[in-house]
Amino acid sequence: MRHPLEIFTHCPKCGHDGFSVNDEKSRRCPQCGFVYYLNPSGATVAFIFNSRGELLVERRKNAPAQGTLDLPGGFADIGETAEEGVAREVLEETGLRVTSARYLFSLPNQYLYSGMHIPTLDLFFCCKVANDNHLRAGDDAADCFWLPLTMIDPQLFGLHSISQGVKRFIEMQPIPMP
């Protein structure tokens, strides 16, 4: 896999074409001295259960992994906390309002976007919602529905970190409910 920094050949500050490797996670401009570090983008993931103990899952509308299972979540925006980001993503994708978000764990990931593998740090939360009866797919979710934990197969989740996160969550004893 090609390192994302190999794509950047010009300095984003002055435009010089000598933007070169500084170390494995940065590039440096010899003209203006600007150093760009490629750090992971923050992404959030929500485990949400209804009153019957079923897990909320989505079917991905878009690439990557279009058509596979997913959990609600996405990239955190500039200026918002991870908790605010997971609540916003859940609302956009499912129509449900998060009332609390409890951090569980994180996993590193590579997310294919615009032909480039973006390094992410995926933050997993166990969330409570105000009302689980008003579920509707939106944004990049083609569908969303509730599944009993006994029917959850981590291999059906198309994104690697989500699949690994679902597996880790199921292996937690006891399973952390909101």
C-alpha atoms as a PDB file:
ATOM      1  CA  MET A   1       0.000   0.000   0.000  1.00  0.00           C
ATOM      2  CA  ARG A   2       1.325   3.413  -0.965  1.00  0.00           C
ATOM      3  CA  HIS A   3       2.002   5.725   1.992  1.00  0.00           C
ATOM      4  CA  PRO A   4      -0.333   8.768   1.950  1.00  0.00           C
ATOM      5  CA  LEU A   5       2.594  11.189   2.250  1.00  0.00           C
ATOM      6  CA  GLU A   6       3.910   9.980  -1.139  1.00  0.00           C
ATOM      7  CA  ILE A   7       0.934  11.726  -2.772  1.00  0.00           C
ATOM      8  CA  PHE A   8       1.940  15.162  -1.468  1.00  0.00           C
ATOM      9  CA  THR A   9       4.712  16.527  -3.699  1.00  0.00           C
ATOM     10  CA  HIS A  10       4.189  20.283  -3.235  1.00  0.00           C
ATOM     11  CA  CYS A  11       4.321  22.293  -0.024  1.00  0.00           C
ATOM     12  CA  PRO A  12       0.755  23.250   1.048  1.00  0.00           C
ATOM     13  CA  LYS A  13       2.066  26.516   2.537  1.00  0.00           C
ATOM     14  CA  CYS A  14       4.263  27.987  -0.261  1.00  0.00           C
ATOM     15  CA  GLY A  15       3.669  25.612  -3.198  1.00  0.00           C
ATOM     16  CA  HIS A  16       7.350  24.647  -3.613  1.00  0.00           C
ATOM     17  CA  ASP A  17       7.768  21.379  -5.520  1.00  0.00           C
ATOM     18  CA  GLY A  18      10.565  20.110  -3.293  1.00  0.00           C
ATOM     19  CA  PHE A  19       8.276  18.908  -0.491  1.00  0.00           C
ATOM     20  CA  SER A  20      10.254  15.877   0.686  1.00  0.00           C
ATOM     21  CA  VAL A  21      10.363  13.156   3.324  1.00  0.00           C
ATOM     22  CA  ASN A  22      11.346  14.419   6.766  1.00  0.00           C
ATOM     23  CA  ASP A  23      10.689  11.093   8.538  1.00  0.00           C
ATOM     24  CA  GLU A  24       8.140   8.250   8.260  1.00  0.00           C
ATOM     25  CA  LYS A  25       5.251  10.480   9.340  1.00  0.00           C
ATOM     26  CA  SER A  26       6.176  13.910   7.990  1.00  0.00           C
ATOM     27  CA  ARG A  27       7.292  15.934   4.965  1.00  0.00           C
ATOM     28  CA  ARG A  28       9.334  19.125   5.045  1.00  0.00           C
ATOM     29  CA  CYS A  29       9.632  22.026   2.642  1.00  0.00           C
ATOM     30  CA  PRO A  30      13.250  23.084   2.018  1.00  0.00           C
ATOM     31  CA  GLN A  31      12.120  26.521   0.850  1.00  0.00           C
ATOM     32  CA  CYS A  32       9.898  27.767   3.699  1.00  0.00           C
ATOM     33  CA  GLY A  33      10.674  25.173   6.395  1.00  0.00           C
ATOM     34  CA  PHE A  34       7.055  24.054   6.824  1.00  0.00           C
ATOM     35  CA  VAL A  35       6.766  20.522   8.255  1.00  0.00           C
ATOM     36  CA  TYR A  36       3.548  18.563   7.710  1.00  0.00           C
ATOM     37  CA  TYR A  37       2.826  15.639  10.036  1.00  0.00           C
ATOM     38  CA  LEU A  38       0.332  13.014   8.939  1.00  0.00           C
ATOM     39  CA  ASN A  39      -1.552  12.121  12.115  1.00  0.00           C
ATOM     40  CA  PRO A  40      -4.653   9.917  12.197  1.00  0.00           C
ATOM     41  CA  SER A  41      -8.064  11.496  11.791  1.00  0.00           C
ATOM     42  CA  GLY A  42     -10.507  10.896  14.625  1.00  0.00           C
ATOM     43  CA  ALA A  43     -13.510   8.742  13.768  1.00  0.00           C
ATOM     44  CA  THR A  44     -16.325   7.560  16.011  1.00  0.00           C
ATOM     45  CA  VAL A  45     -18.374   4.364  16.137  1.00  0.00           C
ATOM     46  CA  ALA A  46     -21.588   3.724  18.111  1.00  0.00           C
ATOM     47  CA  PHE A  47     -22.866   0.549  19.731  1.00  0.00           C
ATOM     48  CA  ILE A  48     -26.578   1.202  20.335  1.00  0.00           C
ATOM     49  CA  PHE A  49     -29.073  -1.278  21.747  1.00  0.00           C
ATOM     50  CA  ASN A  50     -32.858  -1.094  21.744  1.00  0.00           C
ATOM     51  CA  SER A  51     -35.103  -2.102  24.632  1.00  0.00           C
ATOM     52  CA  ARG A  52     -35.021  -5.755  23.401  1.00  0.00           C
ATOM     53  CA  GLY A  53     -31.204  -5.869  23.577  1.00  0.00           C
ATOM     54  CA  GLU A  54     -30.773  -5.820  19.792  1.00  0.00           C
ATOM     55  CA  LEU A  55     -27.814  -4.011  18.201  1.00  0.00           C
ATOM     56  CA  LEU A  56     -28.360  -1.203  15.704  1.00  0.00           C
ATOM     57  CA  VAL A  57     -26.580  -1.977  12.415  1.00  0.00           C
ATOM     58  CA  GLU A  58     -26.507  -0.247   9.061  1.00  0.00           C
ATOM     59  CA  ARG A  59     -25.966  -1.273   5.475  1.00  0.00           C
ATOM     60  CA  ARG A  60     -23.362   0.956   3.784  1.00  0.00           C
ATOM     61  CA  LYS A  61     -24.690   3.073   0.919  1.00  0.00           C
ATOM     62  CA  ASN A  62     -21.281   4.122  -0.435  1.00  0.00           C
ATOM     63  CA  ALA A  63     -17.779   2.834  -1.022  1.00  0.00           C
ATOM     64  CA  PRO A  64     -15.676   1.651   0.595  1.00  0.00           C
ATOM     65  CA  ALA A  65     -17.380  -1.640   1.477  1.00  0.00           C
ATOM     66  CA  GLN A  66     -20.681  -0.589  -0.112  1.00  0.00           C
ATOM     67  CA  GLY A  67     -23.532  -2.964   0.761  1.00  0.00           C
ATOM     68  CA  THR A  68     -21.836  -4.498   3.799  1.00  0.00           C
ATOM     69  CA  LEU A  69     -22.868  -4.091   7.417  1.00  0.00           C
ATOM     70  CA  ASP A  70     -21.610  -1.168   9.481  1.00  0.00           C
ATOM     71  CA  LEU A  71     -22.251   0.615  12.751  1.00  0.00           C
ATOM     72  CA  PRO A  72     -23.313   4.271  12.956  1.00  0.00           C
ATOM     73  CA  GLY A  73     -20.403   6.679  13.075  1.00  0.00           C
ATOM     74  CA  GLY A  74     -17.934   8.683  11.060  1.00  0.00           C
ATOM     75  CA  PHE A  75     -15.283  11.375  11.159  1.00  0.00           C
ATOM     76  CA  ALA A  76     -15.256  13.921  13.959  1.00  0.00           C
ATOM     77  CA  ASP A  77     -15.504  17.511  12.746  1.00  0.00           C
ATOM     78  CA  ILE A  78     -13.058  20.248  13.662  1.00  0.00           C
ATOM     79  CA  GLY A  79     -14.075  21.832  16.950  1.00  0.00           C
ATOM     80  CA  GLU A  80     -16.294  19.008  18.233  1.00  0.00           C
ATOM     81  CA  THR A  81     -15.572  16.398  20.875  1.00  0.00           C
ATOM     82  CA  ALA A  82     -15.680  12.702  20.035  1.00  0.00           C
ATOM     83  CA  GLU A  83     -18.943  12.477  22.022  1.00  0.00           C
ATOM     84  CA  GLU A  84     -20.468  15.321  19.997  1.00  0.00           C
ATOM     85  CA  GLY A  85     -19.222  13.703  16.795  1.00  0.00           C
ATOM     86  CA  VAL A  86     -20.713  10.298  17.536  1.00  0.00           C
ATOM     87  CA  ALA A  87     -24.045  11.927  18.488  1.00  0.00           C
ATOM     88  CA  ARG A  88     -24.095  13.971  15.257  1.00  0.00           C
ATOM     89  CA  GLU A  89     -23.229  10.941  13.107  1.00  0.00           C
ATOM     90  CA  VAL A  90     -25.904   8.782  14.772  1.00  0.00           C
ATOM     91  CA  LEU A  91     -28.524  11.490  14.163  1.00  0.00           C
ATOM     92  CA  GLU A  92     -27.474  11.947  10.510  1.00  0.00           C
ATOM     93  CA  GLU A  93     -27.418   8.214   9.743  1.00  0.00           C
ATOM     94  CA  THR A  94     -30.335   6.894  11.825  1.00  0.00           C
ATOM     95  CA  GLY A  95     -32.492   9.820  12.970  1.00  0.00           C
ATOM     96  CA  LEU A  96     -31.918   8.805  16.602  1.00  0.00           C
ATOM     97  CA  ARG A  97     -30.828  11.317  19.269  1.00  0.00           C
ATOM     98  CA  VAL A  98     -27.977  10.184  21.517  1.00  0.00           C
ATOM     99  CA  THR A  99     -28.553  11.036  25.189  1.00  0.00           C
ATOM    100  CA  SER A 100     -25.261   9.603  26.478  1.00  0.00           C
ATOM    101  CA  ALA A 101     -22.061   8.196  25.022  1.00  0.00           C
ATOM    102  CA  ARG A 102     -19.634   6.093  27.060  1.00  0.00           C
ATOM    103  CA  TYR A 103     -16.155   5.481  25.627  1.00  0.00           C
ATOM    104  CA  LEU A 104     -15.193   1.803  25.296  1.00  0.00           C
ATOM    105  CA  PHE A 105     -11.950   1.404  23.295  1.00  0.00           C
ATOM    106  CA  SER A 106     -10.096   2.524  20.153  1.00  0.00           C
ATOM    107  CA  LEU A 107      -8.594   0.804  17.112  1.00  0.00           C
ATOM    108  CA  PRO A 108      -6.258   2.124  14.411  1.00  0.00           C
ATOM    109  CA  ASN A 109      -7.602   1.934  10.868  1.00  0.00           C
ATOM    110  CA  GLN A 110      -6.907   2.796   7.240  1.00  0.00           C
ATOM    111  CA  TYR A 111      -9.946   4.308   5.479  1.00  0.00           C
ATOM    112  CA  LEU A 112      -9.984   4.484   1.675  1.00  0.00           C
ATOM    113  CA  TYR A 113     -11.212   7.936   0.662  1.00  0.00           C
ATOM    114  CA  SER A 114     -10.766   9.684  -2.699  1.00  0.00           C
ATOM    115  CA  GLY A 115      -8.277   7.020  -3.756  1.00  0.00           C
ATOM    116  CA  MET A 116      -6.083   7.509  -0.688  1.00  0.00           C
ATOM    117  CA  HIS A 117      -5.766   5.445   2.483  1.00  0.00           C
ATOM    118  CA  ILE A 118      -6.423   7.861   5.343  1.00  0.00           C
ATOM    119  CA  PRO A 119      -5.047   6.746   8.734  1.00  0.00           C
ATOM    120  CA  THR A 120      -7.766   6.986  11.366  1.00  0.00           C
ATOM    121  CA  LEU A 121      -8.125   6.328  15.049  1.00  0.00           C
ATOM    122  CA  ASP A 122     -11.588   4.828  15.510  1.00  0.00           C
ATOM    123  CA  LEU A 123     -13.136   5.576  18.916  1.00  0.00           C
ATOM    124  CA  PHE A 124     -15.864   3.121  19.943  1.00  0.00           C
ATOM    125  CA  PHE A 125     -18.718   4.239  22.221  1.00  0.00           C
ATOM    126  CA  CYS A 126     -21.695   2.577  23.851  1.00  0.00           C
ATOM    127  CA  CYS A 127     -24.571   5.037  23.321  1.00  0.00           C
ATOM    128  CA  LYS A 128     -28.071   5.494  24.703  1.00  0.00           C
ATOM    129  CA  VAL A 129     -30.731   7.086  22.524  1.00  0.00           C
ATOM    130  CA  ALA A 130     -33.864   9.014  23.512  1.00  0.00           C
ATOM    131  CA  ASN A 131     -36.292   6.853  21.532  1.00  0.00           C
ATOM    132  CA  ASP A 132     -35.374   3.757  19.515  1.00  0.00           C
ATOM    133  CA  ASN A 133     -38.743   3.631  17.686  1.00  0.00           C
ATOM    134  CA  HIS A 134     -38.035   6.386  15.134  1.00  0.00           C
ATOM    135  CA  LEU A 135     -35.271   4.686  13.162  1.00  0.00           C
ATOM    136  CA  ARG A 136     -34.713   5.937   9.591  1.00  0.00           C
ATOM    137  CA  ALA A 137     -31.714   5.518   7.307  1.00  0.00           C
ATOM    138  CA  GLY A 138     -30.041   8.750   6.234  1.00  0.00           C
ATOM    139  CA  ASP A 139     -26.753  10.243   5.030  1.00  0.00           C
ATOM    140  CA  ASP A 140     -24.468   7.356   3.988  1.00  0.00           C
ATOM    141  CA  ALA A 141     -26.613   4.546   5.459  1.00  0.00           C
ATOM    142  CA  ALA A 142     -28.662   2.689   2.831  1.00  0.00           C
ATOM    143  CA  ASP A 143     -30.612   0.932   5.577  1.00  0.00           C
ATOM    144  CA  CYS A 144     -30.546   0.577   9.351  1.00  0.00           C
ATOM    145  CA  PHE A 145     -32.136  -2.103  11.483  1.00  0.00           C
ATOM    146  CA  TRP A 146     -31.912  -3.968  14.796  1.00  0.00           C
ATOM    147  CA  LEU A 147     -30.240  -7.382  15.089  1.00  0.00           C
ATOM    148  CA  PRO A 148     -30.067  -9.710  18.089  1.00  0.00           C
ATOM    149  CA  LEU A 149     -26.474 -10.145  19.306  1.00  0.00           C
ATOM    150  CA  THR A 150     -26.740 -13.891  18.593  1.00  0.00           C
ATOM    151  CA  MET A 151     -27.141 -13.065  14.876  1.00  0.00           C
ATOM    152  CA  ILE A 152     -24.150 -10.711  14.675  1.00  0.00           C
ATOM    153  CA  ASP A 153     -21.247 -12.039  12.597  1.00  0.00           C
ATOM    154  CA  PRO A 154     -18.213  -9.686  12.690  1.00  0.00           C
ATOM    155  CA  GLN A 155     -17.123 -10.946   9.248  1.00  0.00           C
ATOM    156  CA  LEU A 156     -20.222  -9.365   7.663  1.00  0.00           C
ATOM    157  CA  PHE A 157     -18.951  -5.885   8.565  1.00  0.00           C
ATOM    158  CA  GLY A 158     -17.012  -4.610   5.546  1.00  0.00           C
ATOM    159  CA  LEU A 159     -14.627  -2.177   7.219  1.00  0.00           C
ATOM    160  CA  HIS A 160     -11.716  -3.881   8.990  1.00  0.00           C
ATOM    161  CA  SER A 161     -11.746  -1.823  12.189  1.00  0.00           C
ATOM    162  CA  ILE A 162     -15.534  -2.131  12.531  1.00  0.00           C
ATOM    163  CA  SER A 163     -15.322  -5.899  12.084  1.00  0.00           C
ATOM    164  CA  GLN A 164     -12.543  -6.061  14.687  1.00  0.00           C
ATOM    165  CA  GLY A 165     -14.449  -3.705  17.006  1.00  0.00           C
ATOM    166  CA  VAL A 166     -17.626  -5.811  16.797  1.00  0.00           C
ATOM    167  CA  LYS A 167     -15.602  -8.949  17.530  1.00  0.00           C
ATOM    168  CA  ARG A 168     -13.901  -7.291  20.500  1.00  0.00           C
ATOM    169  CA  PHE A 169     -17.228  -5.966  21.801  1.00  0.00           C
ATOM    170  CA  ILE A 170     -18.893  -9.399  21.621  1.00  0.00           C
ATOM    171  CA  GLU A 171     -15.913 -10.990  23.407  1.00  0.00           C
ATOM    172  CA  MET A 172     -16.199  -8.520  26.307  1.00  0.00           C
ATOM    173  CA  GLN A 173     -17.696 -10.218  29.328  1.00  0.00           C
ATOM    174  CA  PRO A 174     -20.082  -8.996  30.420  1.00  0.00           C
ATOM    175  CA  ILE A 175     -21.112  -7.126  27.280  1.00  0.00           C
ATOM    176  CA  PRO A 176     -21.187  -3.428  28.258  1.00  0.00           C
ATOM    177  CA  MET A 177     -24.746  -2.202  27.876  1.00  0.00           C
ATOM    178  CA  PRO A 178     -25.586   1.489  28.145  1.00  0.00           C
END
